[in-house]
N, C-alpha and C. Protein backbone atom coordinates (compact mmCIF):
# COMPACT_ATOMS: atom_id res chain seq x y z
N MET A 1 81.65 6.10 -20.45
CA MET A 1 83.15 6.03 -20.81
C MET A 1 83.28 4.62 -20.43
N PRO A 2 83.96 4.00 -21.38
CA PRO A 2 84.68 2.64 -21.10
C PRO A 2 85.42 2.58 -19.92
N SER A 3 85.30 1.45 -19.17
CA SER A 3 86.18 1.51 -17.94
C SER A 3 87.50 0.44 -18.39
N ASP A 4 88.42 0.11 -17.58
CA ASP A 4 89.47 -0.84 -17.50
C ASP A 4 88.93 -2.38 -17.53
N GLY A 5 87.73 -2.52 -17.20
CA GLY A 5 87.28 -3.99 -17.42
C GLY A 5 87.27 -4.51 -15.87
N ALA A 6 87.70 -3.72 -14.83
CA ALA A 6 87.76 -4.36 -13.41
C ALA A 6 86.44 -4.88 -13.04
N GLU A 7 85.46 -4.21 -13.38
CA GLU A 7 84.03 -4.97 -12.82
C GLU A 7 83.77 -6.11 -13.33
N HIS A 8 84.35 -6.51 -14.59
CA HIS A 8 84.00 -7.81 -15.00
C HIS A 8 84.76 -8.82 -14.46
N VAL A 9 85.77 -8.68 -13.77
CA VAL A 9 86.40 -9.64 -12.68
C VAL A 9 85.38 -9.78 -11.71
N GLU A 10 85.27 -8.71 -11.00
CA GLU A 10 84.39 -8.49 -9.65
C GLU A 10 82.91 -9.47 -10.11
N TRP A 11 82.34 -9.22 -11.32
CA TRP A 11 81.17 -9.78 -11.59
C TRP A 11 81.41 -11.25 -11.82
N TRP A 12 82.58 -11.78 -12.41
CA TRP A 12 82.66 -13.27 -12.69
C TRP A 12 83.10 -13.82 -11.11
N GLU A 13 83.85 -13.06 -10.41
CA GLU A 13 84.07 -13.69 -8.96
C GLU A 13 82.62 -13.72 -8.43
N LYS A 14 81.88 -12.71 -8.41
CA LYS A 14 80.49 -12.89 -7.61
C LYS A 14 79.85 -14.07 -8.26
N ALA A 15 79.84 -14.42 -9.53
CA ALA A 15 79.22 -15.52 -10.20
C ALA A 15 79.85 -16.87 -9.67
N SER A 16 81.13 -16.77 -9.39
CA SER A 16 81.68 -18.01 -8.98
C SER A 16 81.49 -18.35 -7.73
N ASN A 17 81.26 -17.14 -6.67
CA ASN A 17 80.81 -17.51 -5.37
C ASN A 17 79.44 -17.86 -5.31
N ASN A 18 78.61 -17.56 -6.16
CA ASN A 18 77.09 -17.94 -6.28
C ASN A 18 77.24 -19.40 -6.53
N VAL A 19 78.08 -19.77 -7.61
CA VAL A 19 78.02 -21.24 -7.89
C VAL A 19 78.55 -22.33 -6.71
N GLU A 20 79.55 -21.57 -6.20
CA GLU A 20 80.03 -22.60 -4.99
C GLU A 20 79.21 -22.62 -3.97
N LYS A 21 78.13 -21.43 -3.75
CA LYS A 21 77.15 -21.68 -2.67
C LYS A 21 76.00 -22.51 -2.96
N TRP A 22 75.40 -22.31 -4.29
CA TRP A 22 74.26 -22.69 -4.61
C TRP A 22 74.63 -23.98 -5.84
N GLY A 23 75.67 -24.06 -6.42
CA GLY A 23 75.68 -24.99 -7.41
C GLY A 23 75.46 -24.37 -8.93
N LEU A 24 75.60 -25.01 -9.94
CA LEU A 24 75.25 -24.37 -11.21
C LEU A 24 73.69 -24.57 -11.21
N GLN A 25 72.96 -23.36 -11.23
CA GLN A 25 71.47 -23.75 -11.38
C GLN A 25 71.22 -23.84 -12.76
N ASP A 26 69.99 -24.50 -12.94
CA ASP A 26 69.30 -24.82 -14.19
C ASP A 26 69.10 -23.55 -15.03
N VAL A 27 68.89 -23.57 -16.18
CA VAL A 27 68.64 -22.40 -17.15
C VAL A 27 67.35 -21.70 -16.87
N PRO A 28 65.96 -22.15 -16.55
CA PRO A 28 65.05 -21.53 -16.16
C PRO A 28 65.09 -20.85 -14.86
N THR A 29 65.65 -21.49 -14.03
CA THR A 29 65.97 -20.64 -12.63
C THR A 29 66.84 -19.38 -12.85
N LEU A 30 67.80 -19.62 -13.72
CA LEU A 30 68.79 -18.51 -13.62
C LEU A 30 67.97 -17.22 -14.62
N LEU A 31 67.09 -17.66 -15.58
CA LEU A 31 66.41 -16.74 -16.28
C LEU A 31 65.26 -15.92 -15.33
N LEU A 32 64.82 -16.67 -14.39
CA LEU A 32 63.62 -16.20 -13.46
C LEU A 32 64.64 -15.22 -12.65
N ALA A 33 65.65 -15.51 -12.13
CA ALA A 33 66.50 -14.72 -11.14
C ALA A 33 66.90 -13.49 -11.91
N MET A 34 67.47 -13.57 -13.15
CA MET A 34 67.76 -12.30 -13.83
C MET A 34 66.58 -11.51 -14.06
N GLN A 35 65.36 -11.74 -14.37
CA GLN A 35 64.21 -11.00 -14.44
C GLN A 35 63.97 -10.35 -13.09
N GLU A 36 64.13 -11.00 -12.01
CA GLU A 36 64.07 -10.26 -10.75
C GLU A 36 65.13 -9.23 -10.58
N GLU A 37 66.41 -9.63 -10.86
CA GLU A 37 67.29 -8.64 -10.75
C GLU A 37 67.23 -7.58 -11.62
N MET A 38 66.61 -7.62 -12.80
CA MET A 38 66.64 -6.58 -13.77
C MET A 38 65.71 -5.68 -13.13
N GLY A 39 64.38 -6.21 -12.49
CA GLY A 39 63.35 -5.43 -11.89
C GLY A 39 64.12 -4.50 -10.49
N GLU A 40 64.90 -5.15 -9.95
CA GLU A 40 65.65 -4.47 -8.83
C GLU A 40 66.72 -3.46 -9.39
N LEU A 41 67.05 -3.72 -10.53
CA LEU A 41 67.99 -2.76 -11.07
C LEU A 41 67.26 -1.39 -11.67
N GLU A 42 66.01 -1.90 -12.27
CA GLU A 42 65.24 -0.54 -12.71
C GLU A 42 64.53 0.16 -11.49
N GLN A 43 64.40 -0.48 -10.46
CA GLN A 43 63.73 0.23 -9.19
C GLN A 43 64.92 1.18 -8.61
N ALA A 44 66.17 0.55 -8.57
CA ALA A 44 67.32 1.32 -7.94
C ALA A 44 67.56 2.49 -8.66
N HIS A 45 67.49 2.22 -10.13
CA HIS A 45 67.81 3.39 -10.89
C HIS A 45 66.82 4.47 -10.96
N LEU A 46 65.33 4.14 -10.92
CA LEU A 46 64.50 5.14 -10.54
C LEU A 46 64.48 5.93 -9.41
N GLU A 47 64.87 5.17 -8.25
CA GLU A 47 64.89 5.75 -7.02
C GLU A 47 65.92 6.64 -6.90
N ALA A 48 67.06 6.25 -7.50
CA ALA A 48 68.11 7.20 -7.46
C ALA A 48 68.02 8.39 -8.20
N ARG A 49 67.25 8.33 -9.32
CA ARG A 49 66.91 9.41 -10.30
C ARG A 49 65.86 10.33 -9.69
N ASP A 50 64.90 9.87 -9.00
CA ASP A 50 63.69 10.66 -9.01
C ASP A 50 63.26 10.39 -7.41
N GLU A 51 63.91 9.76 -6.53
CA GLU A 51 63.41 9.74 -5.20
C GLU A 51 64.58 10.01 -4.05
N ASP A 52 65.73 10.70 -4.69
CA ASP A 52 66.71 10.64 -3.62
C ASP A 52 67.29 9.38 -3.02
N GLY A 53 67.25 8.25 -3.79
CA GLY A 53 67.80 6.88 -3.68
C GLY A 53 69.34 6.97 -3.59
N ASP A 54 69.80 5.67 -3.33
CA ASP A 54 71.32 5.72 -3.13
C ASP A 54 71.69 5.21 -4.67
N PRO A 55 72.59 6.11 -5.02
CA PRO A 55 73.11 5.89 -6.56
C PRO A 55 73.93 4.55 -6.42
N GLU A 56 74.51 4.24 -5.41
CA GLU A 56 75.55 3.13 -5.26
C GLU A 56 74.60 1.77 -5.38
N ARG A 57 73.49 1.80 -5.07
CA ARG A 57 72.66 0.44 -5.20
C ARG A 57 72.51 0.22 -6.62
N VAL A 58 72.42 1.20 -7.70
CA VAL A 58 72.54 0.77 -8.91
C VAL A 58 73.45 -0.10 -9.36
N GLY A 59 74.65 0.27 -9.03
CA GLY A 59 75.99 -0.52 -9.19
C GLY A 59 75.87 -2.03 -8.65
N ASP A 60 75.35 -1.89 -7.30
CA ASP A 60 75.23 -3.27 -6.63
C ASP A 60 73.95 -4.14 -7.44
N GLU A 61 73.11 -3.56 -7.93
CA GLU A 61 71.88 -4.38 -8.68
C GLU A 61 72.59 -4.73 -9.85
N LEU A 62 73.40 -3.84 -10.41
CA LEU A 62 73.99 -4.58 -11.94
C LEU A 62 74.89 -5.52 -11.71
N ALA A 63 75.91 -5.52 -10.56
CA ALA A 63 76.73 -6.52 -10.43
C ALA A 63 75.78 -7.87 -10.00
N ASP A 64 74.55 -7.93 -9.36
CA ASP A 64 74.00 -9.07 -9.32
C ASP A 64 73.51 -9.66 -10.54
N LEU A 65 72.92 -8.89 -11.57
CA LEU A 65 72.42 -9.10 -12.65
C LEU A 65 73.58 -9.60 -13.61
N ALA A 66 74.70 -8.94 -13.62
CA ALA A 66 76.07 -9.35 -14.19
C ALA A 66 76.31 -10.74 -14.06
N ALA A 67 76.46 -10.92 -12.82
CA ALA A 67 77.01 -12.20 -12.22
C ALA A 67 75.94 -13.41 -12.79
N LEU A 68 74.68 -13.03 -12.72
CA LEU A 68 73.81 -14.08 -13.29
C LEU A 68 73.95 -14.24 -14.73
N CYS A 69 74.46 -13.36 -15.53
CA CYS A 69 74.72 -13.51 -16.76
C CYS A 69 75.96 -14.36 -16.98
N PHE A 70 76.77 -14.26 -16.30
CA PHE A 70 78.03 -15.26 -16.37
C PHE A 70 77.50 -16.71 -15.92
N GLN A 71 76.71 -16.86 -14.94
CA GLN A 71 76.09 -18.11 -14.52
C GLN A 71 75.31 -18.81 -15.70
N LEU A 72 74.53 -17.90 -16.37
CA LEU A 72 73.73 -18.54 -17.65
C LEU A 72 74.55 -18.81 -18.46
N GLN A 73 75.73 -18.15 -18.93
CA GLN A 73 76.51 -18.68 -19.91
C GLN A 73 77.03 -20.01 -19.42
N TRP A 74 77.51 -20.21 -18.20
CA TRP A 74 78.21 -21.42 -17.94
C TRP A 74 77.21 -22.58 -18.10
N ALA A 75 75.82 -22.37 -17.60
CA ALA A 75 74.84 -23.26 -17.55
C ALA A 75 74.56 -23.82 -19.15
N LEU A 76 74.47 -22.75 -20.07
CA LEU A 76 74.27 -23.16 -21.17
C LEU A 76 75.48 -23.85 -21.98
N ASN A 77 76.72 -23.49 -21.59
CA ASN A 77 77.90 -24.25 -22.13
C ASN A 77 77.89 -25.49 -21.47
N TYR A 78 77.70 -25.77 -20.17
CA TYR A 78 77.48 -27.23 -19.72
C TYR A 78 76.62 -27.99 -20.45
N ARG A 79 75.21 -27.26 -20.89
CA ARG A 79 74.29 -28.34 -21.61
C ARG A 79 74.81 -28.58 -23.00
N SER A 80 75.68 -27.59 -23.50
CA SER A 80 76.30 -27.79 -24.87
C SER A 80 77.32 -28.90 -24.80
N LEU A 81 77.67 -29.36 -23.74
CA LEU A 81 78.70 -30.43 -23.74
C LEU A 81 78.23 -31.89 -23.80
N GLY A 82 76.94 -31.79 -24.25
CA GLY A 82 76.21 -33.20 -24.43
C GLY A 82 75.43 -33.68 -23.38
N THR A 83 75.19 -32.70 -22.30
CA THR A 83 74.26 -33.29 -21.19
C THR A 83 72.85 -32.88 -21.71
N ASP A 84 71.87 -33.73 -21.45
CA ASP A 84 70.59 -33.70 -21.68
C ASP A 84 69.65 -33.11 -20.58
N THR A 85 70.25 -32.47 -19.48
CA THR A 85 69.55 -31.91 -18.53
C THR A 85 70.08 -30.76 -18.06
N ASP A 86 69.37 -30.10 -17.32
CA ASP A 86 69.84 -28.80 -16.91
C ASP A 86 70.40 -28.79 -15.30
N GLN A 87 70.60 -29.97 -14.80
CA GLN A 87 70.85 -30.23 -13.28
C GLN A 87 72.44 -29.87 -13.26
N PRO A 88 72.62 -29.36 -12.17
CA PRO A 88 73.98 -28.74 -11.80
C PRO A 88 74.99 -30.07 -11.66
N HIS A 89 76.21 -29.80 -12.02
CA HIS A 89 77.08 -30.70 -11.66
C HIS A 89 77.86 -30.48 -10.55
N SER A 90 78.67 -31.32 -10.03
CA SER A 90 79.21 -31.22 -8.87
C SER A 90 80.42 -30.20 -8.52
N GLN A 91 80.56 -29.80 -7.35
CA GLN A 91 81.31 -28.73 -6.75
C GLN A 91 82.68 -28.96 -7.49
N SER A 92 83.29 -30.13 -7.47
CA SER A 92 84.45 -30.35 -7.96
C SER A 92 84.52 -30.21 -9.46
N GLU A 93 83.53 -30.47 -10.24
CA GLU A 93 83.47 -30.21 -11.45
C GLU A 93 83.49 -28.51 -11.99
N ASN A 94 82.70 -27.81 -10.89
CA ASN A 94 82.69 -26.34 -11.16
C ASN A 94 83.99 -25.83 -11.14
N SER A 95 84.93 -26.44 -9.84
CA SER A 95 86.27 -25.80 -9.94
C SER A 95 87.12 -26.41 -10.91
N THR A 96 86.90 -27.34 -11.56
CA THR A 96 87.79 -27.70 -12.68
C THR A 96 87.46 -26.98 -13.85
N ARG A 97 86.02 -26.76 -14.06
CA ARG A 97 85.61 -25.86 -15.41
C ARG A 97 86.27 -24.24 -15.40
N ARG A 98 86.35 -23.87 -14.16
CA ARG A 98 86.66 -22.42 -13.88
C ARG A 98 88.20 -22.36 -14.15
N GLU A 99 88.97 -23.50 -13.40
CA GLU A 99 90.41 -23.51 -13.71
C GLU A 99 90.78 -23.71 -15.17
N GLY A 100 89.81 -24.04 -16.02
CA GLY A 100 89.96 -24.48 -17.46
C GLY A 100 89.82 -23.51 -18.41
N GLY A 101 89.62 -22.12 -17.91
CA GLY A 101 89.53 -21.02 -18.92
C GLY A 101 88.19 -20.30 -18.92
N GLU A 102 87.41 -20.57 -17.97
CA GLU A 102 86.03 -19.74 -18.08
C GLU A 102 86.45 -18.27 -17.66
N GLN A 103 87.37 -18.03 -17.06
CA GLN A 103 87.80 -16.71 -16.65
C GLN A 103 87.76 -15.76 -17.77
N GLY A 104 87.95 -16.23 -18.89
CA GLY A 104 88.18 -15.46 -20.00
C GLY A 104 86.87 -14.82 -20.67
N ARG A 105 85.74 -15.17 -20.15
CA ARG A 105 84.53 -14.72 -20.46
C ARG A 105 84.30 -13.34 -20.09
């Protein structure tokens, strides 16, 4: 069943906090992190389904993966602005970009 979209805000905020903590990471690093989180999501799902695991962990792992999806989109957008590198930009640029409308993703 579709939700009211509140989790999208939570995921965006988690992604923003990640960028504040580690900067805008390069695309290969984000893709690797997404693979790791996908594995953790699958493990949480299987454990919840088959091994009496905590079903809330599935949502936690999904939030981690979803935040990385936002971060990947931001990194790809940054590269499309004419940069020839995957290097992160400064913290002040992160804040400016977020205030400039990235919330709408």
